[in-house]
C-alpha cells in the first residue's frame, strides 16, 4: 500500500449497527466500506482493499469461509478477525493477520488498521529492496567500475535503492517487539496467519 494514500478498509459484520459504528469511527482516517454479510463482503472485495475487519459469526457465510475465499482468490488485503468468539486451537490453521476479541474501542480499531498497514508497507518496500539489490549486484558483477561510474541508469538505481532502504528504516523504527515477532512469523510460515490480540475491556 502506498503511504501517499488513505488505506481502504472493508468492515464486515452481520450486525449493521456494529459495522456502521466501526465505519464511523474509522472514516476520519481511512476510506471505509461496510458489508453486512459474508456474501456482500466478497462482492465488495477488490484489489484496492487494504484491510478487512471481519466478524466470524455470520449466518449466510461465516467469517472463516470469507477468510478462506479471500486467500483462495489471492487478494493482498490484510485481514483482522474482529469477533466475540474467543480464540481456540482452530485458529492455528486460519490465515488471518490479527485476531481481535470484542468488545473493541475506537482506539483498538485504529491501532489494528495502523499495524496492518505498517506491515503491508514494510513487506512492499522489502520486496522492492530485494529486487533492486539483485539488479545492483548483477550489474556490479558483470560491468567494470568505469562503466558503472559513467552510467546514469546505474546512478538512478543506486539512488532508488538508497531511498527504499531509508523508507524501510523509517517504517521499522515504528515497530515494537510484537510487530517484529509477527512479521518474522509471517516470513517463516508464508501464509499470513497471525496471533490473537485480546482487547476485551
C-alpha atoms as a PDB file:
ATOM      1  CA  UNK A   1       0.000   0.000   0.000  1.00  0.00           C
ATOM      2  CA  UNK A   2       1.366   3.398  -0.945  1.00  0.00           C
ATOM      3  CA  UNK A   3       1.988   5.649   2.045  1.00  0.00           C
ATOM      4  CA  UNK A   4       0.716   8.608  -0.008  1.00  0.00           C
ATOM      5  CA  UNK A   5      -2.947   7.494   0.029  1.00  0.00           C
ATOM      6  CA  UNK A   6      -5.535   6.644   2.645  1.00  0.00           C
ATOM      7  CA  UNK A   7      -5.923   2.972   3.407  1.00  0.00           C
ATOM      8  CA  UNK A   8      -9.091   1.315   2.099  1.00  0.00           C
ATOM      9  CA  UNK A   9     -10.852  -0.620   4.866  1.00  0.00           C
ATOM     10  CA  UNK A  10     -13.734  -3.074   4.450  1.00  0.00           C
ATOM     11  CA  UNK A  11     -15.759  -3.629   7.637  1.00  0.00           C
ATOM     12  CA  UNK A  12     -17.744  -6.877   7.649  1.00  0.00           C
ATOM     13  CA  UNK A  13     -20.327  -7.654  10.337  1.00  0.00           C
ATOM     14  CA  UNK A  14     -23.874  -9.021  10.061  1.00  0.00           C
ATOM     15  CA  UNK A  15     -24.940  -6.637  12.839  1.00  0.00           C
ATOM     16  CA  UNK A  16     -25.353  -3.474  10.791  1.00  0.00           C
ATOM     17  CA  UNK A  17     -25.229  -1.170  13.811  1.00  0.00           C
ATOM     18  CA  UNK A  18     -21.861  -2.651  14.801  1.00  0.00           C
ATOM     19  CA  UNK A  19     -20.457  -2.342  11.270  1.00  0.00           C
ATOM     20  CA  UNK A  20     -21.756   1.224  10.961  1.00  0.00           C
ATOM     21  CA  UNK A  21     -20.237   2.180  14.317  1.00  0.00           C
ATOM     22  CA  UNK A  22     -16.838   0.814  13.307  1.00  0.00           C
ATOM     23  CA  UNK A  23     -17.065   2.615   9.964  1.00  0.00           C
ATOM     24  CA  UNK A  24     -17.974   5.905  11.610  1.00  0.00           C
ATOM     25  CA  UNK A  25     -15.024   5.597  13.987  1.00  0.00           C
ATOM     26  CA  UNK A  26     -12.583   4.910  11.149  1.00  0.00           C
ATOM     27  CA  UNK A  27     -13.774   7.261   8.392  1.00  0.00           C
ATOM     28  CA  UNK A  28     -11.810  10.264   9.617  1.00  0.00           C
ATOM     29  CA  UNK A  29      -8.573   8.405   8.898  1.00  0.00           C
ATOM     30  CA  UNK A  30      -9.423   5.862   6.201  1.00  0.00           C
ATOM     31  CA  UNK A  31     -11.655   5.194   3.221  1.00  0.00           C
ATOM     32  CA  UNK A  32     -14.227   2.770   4.624  1.00  0.00           C
ATOM     33  CA  UNK A  33     -16.862   0.483   3.138  1.00  0.00           C
ATOM     34  CA  UNK A  34     -19.245  -1.784   5.017  1.00  0.00           C
ATOM     35  CA  UNK A  35     -20.700  -5.204   4.262  1.00  0.00           C
ATOM     36  CA  UNK A  36     -23.446  -6.768   6.336  1.00  0.00           C
ATOM     37  CA  UNK A  37     -22.931 -10.373   5.268  1.00  0.00           C
ATOM     38  CA  UNK A  38     -20.229 -12.700   4.049  1.00  0.00           C
ATOM     39  CA  UNK A  39     -21.666 -12.734   0.543  1.00  0.00           C
ATOM     40  CA  UNK A  40     -21.772  -8.939   0.402  1.00  0.00           C
ATOM     41  CA  UNK A  41     -18.185  -8.815   1.650  1.00  0.00           C
ATOM     42  CA  UNK A  42     -16.989 -10.966  -1.243  1.00  0.00           C
ATOM     43  CA  UNK A  43     -18.981  -8.831  -3.684  1.00  0.00           C
ATOM     44  CA  UNK A  44     -17.343  -5.662  -2.369  1.00  0.00           C
ATOM     45  CA  UNK A  45     -13.855  -7.107  -2.157  1.00  0.00           C
ATOM     46  CA  UNK A  46     -11.462  -5.899  -4.848  1.00  0.00           C
ATOM     47  CA  UNK A  47      -7.707  -5.371  -5.224  1.00  0.00           C
ATOM     48  CA  UNK A  48      -7.933  -1.833  -3.820  1.00  0.00           C
ATOM     49  CA  UNK A  49      -8.968  -3.075  -0.350  1.00  0.00           C
ATOM     50  CA  UNK A  50      -6.029  -2.885   2.054  1.00  0.00           C
ATOM     51  CA  UNK A  51      -7.571  -4.116   5.313  1.00  0.00           C
ATOM     52  CA  UNK A  52     -10.617  -6.258   6.096  1.00  0.00           C
ATOM     53  CA  UNK A  53     -12.125  -6.208   9.595  1.00  0.00           C
ATOM     54  CA  UNK A  54     -14.069  -9.462   9.608  1.00  0.00           C
ATOM     55  CA  UNK A  55     -16.625 -10.891  12.028  1.00  0.00           C
ATOM     56  CA  UNK A  56     -16.622 -14.691  12.436  1.00  0.00           C
ATOM     57  CA  UNK A  57     -20.256 -15.422  13.299  1.00  0.00           C
ATOM     58  CA  UNK A  58     -22.419 -14.577  10.300  1.00  0.00           C
ATOM     59  CA  UNK A  59     -25.470 -16.516   9.087  1.00  0.00           C
ATOM     60  CA  UNK A  60     -25.076 -16.818   5.314  1.00  0.00           C
ATOM     61  CA  UNK A  61     -21.330 -17.308   5.098  1.00  0.00           C
ATOM     62  CA  UNK A  62     -19.111 -17.350   8.161  1.00  0.00           C
ATOM     63  CA  UNK A  63     -16.099 -15.145   8.606  1.00  0.00           C
ATOM     64  CA  UNK A  64     -13.912 -18.246   8.435  1.00  0.00           C
ATOM     65  CA  UNK A  65     -15.346 -19.037   4.985  1.00  0.00           C
ATOM     66  CA  UNK A  66     -14.909 -15.454   3.820  1.00  0.00           C
ATOM     67  CA  UNK A  67     -11.300 -15.507   5.024  1.00  0.00           C
ATOM     68  CA  UNK A  68     -10.630 -18.707   3.068  1.00  0.00           C
ATOM     69  CA  UNK A  69     -12.206 -17.193  -0.047  1.00  0.00           C
ATOM     70  CA  UNK A  70     -10.062 -14.057   0.281  1.00  0.00           C
ATOM     71  CA  UNK A  71      -6.893 -16.142   0.459  1.00  0.00           C
ATOM     72  CA  UNK A  72      -8.004 -18.538  -2.288  1.00  0.00           C
ATOM     73  CA  UNK A  73      -8.552 -15.559  -4.593  1.00  0.00           C
ATOM     74  CA  UNK A  74      -5.068 -14.328  -3.646  1.00  0.00           C
ATOM     75  CA  UNK A  75      -6.072 -10.833  -2.590  1.00  0.00           C
ATOM     76  CA  UNK A  76      -3.296  -8.939  -0.805  1.00  0.00           C
ATOM     77  CA  UNK A  77      -5.666  -7.461   1.778  1.00  0.00           C
ATOM     78  CA  UNK A  78      -4.703  -7.770   5.423  1.00  0.00           C
ATOM     79  CA  UNK A  79      -7.446  -9.456   7.446  1.00  0.00           C
ATOM     80  CA  UNK A  80      -8.198  -8.983  11.128  1.00  0.00           C
ATOM     81  CA  UNK A  81     -10.883 -11.146  12.696  1.00  0.00           C
ATOM     82  CA  UNK A  82     -12.910  -8.830  14.948  1.00  0.00           C
ATOM     83  CA  UNK A  83     -15.186 -11.157  16.836  1.00  0.00           C
ATOM     84  CA  UNK A  84     -16.804 -12.154  20.107  1.00  0.00           C
ATOM     85  CA  UNK A  85     -15.527 -15.707  19.560  1.00  0.00           C
ATOM     86  CA  UNK A  86     -12.696 -16.409  21.974  1.00  0.00           C
ATOM     87  CA  UNK A  87      -9.678 -17.892  20.163  1.00  0.00           C
ATOM     88  CA  UNK A  88      -9.368 -21.673  20.267  1.00  0.00           C
ATOM     89  CA  UNK A  89      -6.924 -24.119  18.712  1.00  0.00           C
ATOM     90  CA  UNK A  90      -8.819 -23.982  15.408  1.00  0.00           C
ATOM     91  CA  UNK A  91      -7.264 -20.577  14.696  1.00  0.00           C
ATOM     92  CA  UNK A  92      -3.833 -22.145  14.228  1.00  0.00           C
ATOM     93  CA  UNK A  93      -4.599 -23.037  10.610  1.00  0.00           C
ATOM     94  CA  UNK A  94      -6.526 -19.839   9.834  1.00  0.00           C
ATOM     95  CA  UNK A  95      -4.653 -17.420   7.537  1.00  0.00           C
ATOM     96  CA  UNK A  96      -5.624 -14.146   9.232  1.00  0.00           C
ATOM     97  CA  UNK A  97      -3.224 -11.341  10.159  1.00  0.00           C
ATOM     98  CA  UNK A  98      -4.697 -10.384  13.522  1.00  0.00           C
ATOM     99  CA  UNK A  99      -7.388 -11.598  15.923  1.00  0.00           C
ATOM    100  CA  UNK A 100      -9.216  -9.007  17.998  1.00  0.00           C
ATOM    101  CA  UNK A 101     -11.770 -10.011  20.615  1.00  0.00           C
ATOM    102  CA  UNK A 102     -14.889  -7.874  21.068  1.00  0.00           C
ATOM    103  CA  UNK A 103     -15.797  -5.521  22.582  1.00  0.00           C
ATOM    104  CA  UNK A 104     -13.388  -3.117  20.921  1.00  0.00           C
ATOM    105  CA  UNK A 105     -12.882   0.612  21.241  1.00  0.00           C
ATOM    106  CA  UNK A 106     -12.173   3.141  18.524  1.00  0.00           C
ATOM    107  CA  UNK A 107      -8.548   3.154  19.656  1.00  0.00           C
ATOM    108  CA  UNK A 108      -8.408  -0.641  19.269  1.00  0.00           C
ATOM    109  CA  UNK A 109      -9.724  -0.440  15.710  1.00  0.00           C
ATOM    110  CA  UNK A 110      -7.341   2.341  14.689  1.00  0.00           C
ATOM    111  CA  UNK A 111      -4.395   0.524  16.258  1.00  0.00           C
ATOM    112  CA  UNK A 112      -5.290  -2.658  14.375  1.00  0.00           C
ATOM    113  CA  UNK A 113      -5.606  -0.931  10.998  1.00  0.00           C
ATOM    114  CA  UNK A 114      -2.420   1.079  11.544  1.00  0.00           C
ATOM    115  CA  UNK A 115      -0.468  -2.030  12.492  1.00  0.00           C
ATOM    116  CA  UNK A 116      -1.670  -3.992   9.478  1.00  0.00           C
ATOM    117  CA  UNK A 117      -0.966  -1.165   7.036  1.00  0.00           C
ATOM    118  CA  UNK A 118       2.537  -0.791   8.502  1.00  0.00           C
ATOM    119  CA  UNK A 119       3.134  -4.500   7.911  1.00  0.00           C
ATOM    120  CA  UNK A 120       1.904  -4.170   4.326  1.00  0.00           C
ATOM    121  CA  UNK A 121       4.084  -1.113   3.678  1.00  0.00           C
ATOM    122  CA  UNK A 122       7.117  -2.856   5.129  1.00  0.00           C
ATOM    123  CA  UNK A 123       6.659  -6.004   3.055  1.00  0.00           C
ATOM    124  CA  UNK A 124       6.061  -3.964  -0.101  1.00  0.00           C
ATOM    125  CA  UNK A 125       9.255  -1.980   0.439  1.00  0.00           C
ATOM    126  CA  UNK A 126      11.160  -5.128   1.386  1.00  0.00           C
ATOM    127  CA  UNK A 127      10.181  -6.849  -1.877  1.00  0.00           C
ATOM    128  CA  UNK A 128      11.218  -3.734  -3.763  1.00  0.00           C
ATOM    129  CA  UNK A 129      14.528  -3.660  -1.899  1.00  0.00           C
ATOM    130  CA  UNK A 130      15.232  -7.308  -2.737  1.00  0.00           C
ATOM    131  CA  UNK A 131      14.556  -6.649  -6.426  1.00  0.00           C
ATOM    132  CA  UNK A 132      16.718  -3.525  -6.583  1.00  0.00           C
ATOM    133  CA  UNK A 133      19.528  -5.215  -4.653  1.00  0.00           C
ATOM    134  CA  UNK A 134      19.507  -8.148  -7.078  1.00  0.00           C
ATOM    135  CA  UNK A 135      19.766  -5.777 -10.049  1.00  0.00           C
ATOM    136  CA  UNK A 136      22.525  -3.800  -8.336  1.00  0.00           C
ATOM    137  CA  UNK A 137      24.535  -6.934  -7.551  1.00  0.00           C
ATOM    138  CA  UNK A 138      24.077  -8.351 -11.058  1.00  0.00           C
ATOM    139  CA  UNK A 139      25.381  -5.174 -12.683  1.00  0.00           C
ATOM    140  CA  UNK A 140      28.279  -4.878 -10.250  1.00  0.00           C
ATOM    141  CA  UNK A 141      29.388  -8.410 -11.051  1.00  0.00           C
ATOM    142  CA  UNK A 142      29.145  -8.029 -14.824  1.00  0.00           C
ATOM    143  CA  UNK A 143      30.233  -4.458 -15.539  1.00  0.00           C
ATOM    144  CA  UNK A 144      33.622  -2.784 -14.984  1.00  0.00           C
ATOM    145  CA  UNK A 145      33.767   0.007 -12.427  1.00  0.00           C
ATOM    146  CA  UNK A 146      34.365   2.629 -15.105  1.00  0.00           C
ATOM    147  CA  UNK A 147      31.171   1.659 -16.930  1.00  0.00           C
ATOM    148  CA  UNK A 148      29.170   1.780 -13.715  1.00  0.00           C
ATOM    149  CA  UNK A 149      30.519   5.219 -12.837  1.00  0.00           C
ATOM    150  CA  UNK A 150      29.568   6.572 -16.263  1.00  0.00           C
ATOM    151  CA  UNK A 151      26.064   5.080 -16.282  1.00  0.00           C
ATOM    152  CA  UNK A 152      23.176   7.403 -15.398  1.00  0.00           C
ATOM    153  CA  UNK A 153      20.894   4.366 -15.158  1.00  0.00           C
ATOM    154  CA  UNK A 154      23.144   2.787 -12.531  1.00  0.00           C
ATOM    155  CA  UNK A 155      23.284   6.064 -10.596  1.00  0.00           C
ATOM    156  CA  UNK A 156      19.482   6.190 -10.632  1.00  0.00           C
ATOM    157  CA  UNK A 157      19.376   2.588  -9.407  1.00  0.00           C
ATOM    158  CA  UNK A 158      21.738   3.430  -6.542  1.00  0.00           C
ATOM    159  CA  UNK A 159      19.609   6.427  -5.569  1.00  0.00           C
ATOM    160  CA  UNK A 160      16.406   4.384  -5.683  1.00  0.00           C
ATOM    161  CA  UNK A 161      17.940   1.622  -3.574  1.00  0.00           C
ATOM    162  CA  UNK A 162      19.136   4.162  -1.007  1.00  0.00           C
ATOM    163  CA  UNK A 163      15.666   5.708  -0.838  1.00  0.00           C
ATOM    164  CA  UNK A 164      13.940   2.353  -0.364  1.00  0.00           C
ATOM    165  CA  UNK A 165      16.370   1.356   2.377  1.00  0.00           C
ATOM    166  CA  UNK A 166      15.675   4.673   4.096  1.00  0.00           C
ATOM    167  CA  UNK A 167      11.924   4.013   3.910  1.00  0.00           C
ATOM    168  CA  UNK A 168      12.437   0.559   5.410  1.00  0.00           C
ATOM    169  CA  UNK A 169      14.406   2.080   8.275  1.00  0.00           C
ATOM    170  CA  UNK A 170      11.690   4.674   8.842  1.00  0.00           C
ATOM    171  CA  UNK A 171       8.893   2.088   8.934  1.00  0.00           C
ATOM    172  CA  UNK A 172      10.806  -0.350  11.132  1.00  0.00           C
ATOM    173  CA  UNK A 173      11.594   2.455  13.590  1.00  0.00           C
ATOM    174  CA  UNK A 174       7.879   2.491  14.455  1.00  0.00           C
ATOM    175  CA  UNK A 175       7.816  -1.262  15.183  1.00  0.00           C
ATOM    176  CA  UNK A 176       7.922  -2.762  18.636  1.00  0.00           C
ATOM    177  CA  UNK A 177       8.957  -6.304  19.588  1.00  0.00           C
ATOM    178  CA  UNK A 178       5.455  -7.630  18.899  1.00  0.00           C
ATOM    179  CA  UNK A 179       5.486  -6.174  15.380  1.00  0.00           C
ATOM    180  CA  UNK A 180       8.799  -7.809  14.536  1.00  0.00           C
ATOM    181  CA  UNK A 181       7.663 -11.118  16.007  1.00  0.00           C
ATOM    182  CA  UNK A 182       4.523 -11.044  13.870  1.00  0.00           C
ATOM    183  CA  UNK A 183       6.452 -10.197  10.703  1.00  0.00           C
ATOM    184  CA  UNK A 184       9.061 -12.882  11.273  1.00  0.00           C
ATOM    185  CA  UNK A 185       6.295 -15.406  11.943  1.00  0.00           C
ATOM    186  CA  UNK A 186       4.734 -14.492   8.600  1.00  0.00           C
ATOM    187  CA  UNK A 187       8.035 -14.850   6.778  1.00  0.00           C
ATOM    188  CA  UNK A 188       8.555 -18.277   8.368  1.00  0.00           C
ATOM    189  CA  UNK A 189       5.078 -19.639   7.653  1.00  0.00           C
ATOM    190  CA  UNK A 190       4.488 -17.697   4.421  1.00  0.00           C
ATOM    191  CA  UNK A 191       0.746 -17.941   4.974  1.00  0.00           C
ATOM    192  CA  UNK A 192      -0.068 -14.589   6.539  1.00  0.00           C
ATOM    193  CA  UNK A 193      -1.592 -16.074   9.686  1.00  0.00           C
ATOM    194  CA  UNK A 194      -1.306 -14.017  12.823  1.00  0.00           C
ATOM    195  CA  UNK A 195      -1.742 -14.199  16.536  1.00  0.00           C
ATOM    196  CA  UNK A 196      -4.584 -13.210  18.815  1.00  0.00           C
ATOM    197  CA  UNK A 197      -4.979  -9.831  20.410  1.00  0.00           C
ATOM    198  CA  UNK A 198      -7.461  -9.560  23.279  1.00  0.00           C
ATOM    199  CA  UNK A 199      -8.904  -6.053  23.552  1.00  0.00           C
ATOM    200  CA  UNK A 200     -11.650  -7.015  25.978  1.00  0.00           C
ATOM    201  CA  UNK A 201     -12.257  -4.217  28.463  1.00  0.00           C
END
